[in-house]
């Protein structure tokens, strides 16, 4: 009898634990409304985006240009380099190989990019214009060797007045769970 009661208690405990673990997973899946889309030319922004996705549970979407950037394309000292030419033309929209369908059901988009010429790279504009961001809160984050993020956020707000673009966050150096959690508080 004692064994039967202990077995029943153990079964009940296991069932309760399994149910609470399922509930925790279900709650974690509530982060399905979060997406982390990023463009990274050198891997720096990609590293940050992966950390953010890991902490938030958000879907990770790499914004990939149809034609990848080479080192020569990224030479900002060369006024004829691809990045220089694109950034000097506000209407430039480099083709992307990214499908924005990963944003389906998204209500918060953490949008990452490196700062180029004090702005978001034009490939980010291509991504924004290919996506339906109606009702989506966009929270920019960026990496930079020396520029702030404010001008790039202002540029995005000016270009897309119908999108709810929140204040941006420059994420250089060590990034903590608290730093990432604070992204979502704005």
Protein backbone atom coordinates (compact mmCIF):
# COMPACT_ATOMS: atom_id res chain seq x y z
CA UNK A 1 0.00 0.00 0.00
CA UNK A 2 2.81 2.35 0.96
CA UNK A 3 4.53 1.60 -2.32
CA UNK A 4 1.37 2.30 -4.25
CA UNK A 5 0.90 5.65 -2.51
CA UNK A 6 4.53 6.60 -3.11
CA UNK A 7 4.26 5.60 -6.76
CA UNK A 8 1.07 7.65 -7.11
CA UNK A 9 2.72 10.63 -5.42
CA UNK A 10 5.75 10.32 -7.67
CA UNK A 11 3.52 10.11 -10.76
CA UNK A 12 1.60 13.18 -9.61
CA UNK A 13 4.84 15.06 -8.99
CA UNK A 14 6.17 14.11 -12.44
CA UNK A 15 2.92 15.11 -14.10
CA UNK A 16 2.87 18.45 -12.28
CA UNK A 17 6.51 19.09 -13.20
CA UNK A 18 5.87 18.20 -16.83
CA UNK A 19 2.83 20.48 -16.93
CA UNK A 20 4.73 23.40 -15.38
CA UNK A 21 7.62 22.86 -17.81
CA UNK A 22 5.14 22.85 -20.68
CA UNK A 23 3.60 26.06 -19.34
CA UNK A 24 7.06 27.65 -19.12
CA UNK A 25 7.79 26.66 -22.70
CA UNK A 26 4.42 28.02 -23.78
CA UNK A 27 5.13 31.30 -21.99
CA UNK A 28 8.55 31.44 -23.63
CA UNK A 29 6.86 30.92 -26.98
CA UNK A 30 4.89 34.08 -26.32
CA UNK A 31 8.09 35.72 -27.55
CA UNK A 32 6.93 34.60 -31.00
CA UNK A 33 5.80 38.21 -31.30
CA UNK A 34 9.44 39.32 -31.22
CA UNK A 35 11.74 39.24 -34.22
CA UNK A 36 15.39 40.25 -34.35
CA UNK A 37 16.32 41.33 -37.87
CA UNK A 38 19.83 42.49 -38.56
CA UNK A 39 22.27 43.42 -41.27
CA UNK A 40 25.92 42.70 -40.56
CA UNK A 41 28.74 43.26 -43.01
CA UNK A 42 31.59 42.05 -40.80
CA UNK A 43 29.93 39.87 -38.16
CA UNK A 44 29.90 42.41 -35.32
CA UNK A 45 26.19 43.23 -35.53
CA UNK A 46 25.39 39.57 -36.15
CA UNK A 47 27.02 38.61 -32.84
CA UNK A 48 24.94 41.19 -30.98
CA UNK A 49 21.73 40.14 -32.78
CA UNK A 50 22.29 36.50 -31.84
CA UNK A 51 22.74 37.47 -28.19
CA UNK A 52 19.53 39.49 -28.29
CA UNK A 53 17.60 36.63 -29.92
CA UNK A 54 18.98 34.21 -27.35
CA UNK A 55 17.79 36.36 -24.43
CA UNK A 56 14.44 37.42 -25.91
CA UNK A 57 13.56 34.18 -27.65
CA UNK A 58 12.86 36.26 -30.74
CA UNK A 59 13.05 34.90 -34.27
CA UNK A 60 16.39 35.73 -35.86
CA UNK A 61 16.29 37.16 -39.39
CA UNK A 62 19.51 37.96 -41.23
CA UNK A 63 19.12 40.79 -43.74
CA UNK A 64 21.28 39.48 -46.57
CA UNK A 65 22.11 41.60 -49.59
CA UNK A 66 21.55 39.77 -52.89
CA UNK A 67 25.15 40.61 -53.71
CA UNK A 68 27.31 40.22 -50.57
CA UNK A 69 29.64 43.07 -49.70
CA UNK A 70 33.35 42.50 -50.28
CA UNK A 71 36.15 44.17 -48.37
CA UNK A 72 36.60 46.55 -51.32
CA UNK A 73 32.86 47.37 -51.22
CA UNK A 74 33.20 48.37 -47.58
CA UNK A 75 36.22 50.65 -48.02
CA UNK A 76 34.76 53.91 -46.77
CA UNK A 77 37.99 55.74 -47.68
CA UNK A 78 37.23 55.04 -51.36
CA UNK A 79 34.47 57.33 -52.64
CA UNK A 80 33.81 54.89 -55.50
CA UNK A 81 33.34 51.86 -53.24
CA UNK A 82 29.90 50.27 -53.29
CA UNK A 83 29.06 51.32 -49.73
CA UNK A 84 30.18 54.91 -50.38
CA UNK A 85 28.11 55.15 -53.56
CA UNK A 86 25.03 53.67 -51.86
CA UNK A 87 25.28 55.90 -48.81
CA UNK A 88 25.73 59.01 -50.96
CA UNK A 89 22.43 58.21 -52.70
CA UNK A 90 19.47 58.40 -50.28
CA UNK A 91 17.31 56.58 -52.84
CA UNK A 92 19.68 53.61 -53.21
CA UNK A 93 17.97 50.34 -52.34
CA UNK A 94 20.35 47.39 -52.73
CA UNK A 95 18.52 44.16 -53.55
CA UNK A 96 18.16 41.71 -50.68
CA UNK A 97 17.94 37.93 -50.57
CA UNK A 98 15.90 38.01 -47.36
CA UNK A 99 12.24 37.10 -47.18
CA UNK A 100 10.33 39.30 -44.75
CA UNK A 101 7.79 36.49 -44.17
CA UNK A 102 9.69 35.76 -40.94
CA UNK A 103 7.96 38.85 -39.56
CA UNK A 104 4.49 37.27 -39.76
CA UNK A 105 2.84 37.63 -36.36
CA UNK A 106 5.58 39.95 -35.14
CA UNK A 107 4.54 42.85 -32.94
CA UNK A 108 8.06 43.92 -31.87
CA UNK A 109 10.99 44.11 -34.25
CA UNK A 110 14.48 44.63 -32.88
CA UNK A 111 16.29 46.00 -35.94
CA UNK A 112 20.07 45.86 -35.96
CA UNK A 113 22.69 47.37 -38.23
CA UNK A 114 26.15 48.91 -38.23
CA UNK A 115 26.30 52.71 -38.47
CA UNK A 116 27.44 53.79 -41.92
CA UNK A 117 27.96 57.49 -42.58
CA UNK A 118 25.92 58.24 -39.45
CA UNK A 119 22.94 56.32 -40.90
CA UNK A 120 21.52 52.83 -41.25
CA UNK A 121 22.93 51.13 -44.38
CA UNK A 122 20.63 51.42 -47.40
CA UNK A 123 20.10 47.66 -47.40
CA UNK A 124 18.15 48.18 -44.14
CA UNK A 125 15.83 50.55 -46.02
CA UNK A 126 15.27 47.83 -48.63
CA UNK A 127 14.28 45.42 -45.86
CA UNK A 128 11.92 47.90 -44.19
CA UNK A 129 10.24 48.68 -47.49
CA UNK A 130 9.80 44.97 -48.28
CA UNK A 131 8.04 44.27 -44.98
CA UNK A 132 4.59 45.06 -43.66
CA UNK A 133 5.39 46.79 -40.38
CA UNK A 134 1.85 48.02 -39.72
CA UNK A 135 1.29 47.91 -35.96
CA UNK A 136 4.83 46.70 -35.29
CA UNK A 137 7.02 48.48 -32.75
CA UNK A 138 10.52 48.85 -34.21
CA UNK A 139 13.41 49.15 -31.76
CA UNK A 140 16.70 49.87 -33.53
CA UNK A 141 20.06 48.74 -32.21
CA UNK A 142 23.40 49.39 -33.81
CA UNK A 143 27.10 48.79 -33.59
CA UNK A 144 29.61 51.47 -34.45
CA UNK A 145 33.27 52.24 -34.34
CA UNK A 146 32.64 55.83 -33.28
CA UNK A 147 29.23 57.22 -34.27
CA UNK A 148 26.12 57.37 -32.14
CA UNK A 149 22.76 55.90 -33.16
CA UNK A 150 20.52 58.99 -32.82
CA UNK A 151 21.03 60.33 -36.35
CA UNK A 152 20.32 56.94 -37.90
CA UNK A 153 17.10 56.61 -35.90
CA UNK A 154 16.06 60.13 -36.91
CA UNK A 155 16.75 59.19 -40.54
CA UNK A 156 14.57 56.09 -40.27
CA UNK A 157 11.77 58.03 -38.57
CA UNK A 158 11.88 60.69 -41.30
CA UNK A 159 11.86 58.08 -44.07
CA UNK A 160 9.07 56.00 -42.46
CA UNK A 161 6.74 58.30 -40.50
CA UNK A 162 3.99 55.65 -40.45
CA UNK A 163 6.13 53.16 -38.53
CA UNK A 164 6.43 53.22 -34.74
CA UNK A 165 10.22 53.53 -34.48
CA UNK A 166 11.39 53.85 -30.89
CA UNK A 167 14.66 55.27 -29.56
CA UNK A 168 17.67 53.26 -30.61
CA UNK A 169 20.41 51.64 -28.60
CA UNK A 170 24.09 51.55 -29.46
CA UNK A 171 25.39 48.14 -28.39
CA UNK A 172 29.15 48.10 -28.48
CA UNK A 173 31.35 46.12 -26.14
CA UNK A 174 30.05 43.73 -23.52
CA UNK A 175 26.34 43.13 -23.68
CA UNK A 176 24.48 41.80 -20.66
CA UNK A 177 21.06 40.24 -20.19
CA UNK A 178 20.03 43.48 -18.44
CA UNK A 179 21.14 45.54 -21.44
CA UNK A 180 19.01 43.41 -23.72
CA UNK A 181 16.02 43.44 -21.38
CA UNK A 182 16.21 47.24 -21.29
CA UNK A 183 15.78 47.31 -25.08
CA UNK A 184 12.21 46.14 -24.65
CA UNK A 185 11.33 48.67 -21.94
CA UNK A 186 11.23 51.71 -24.23
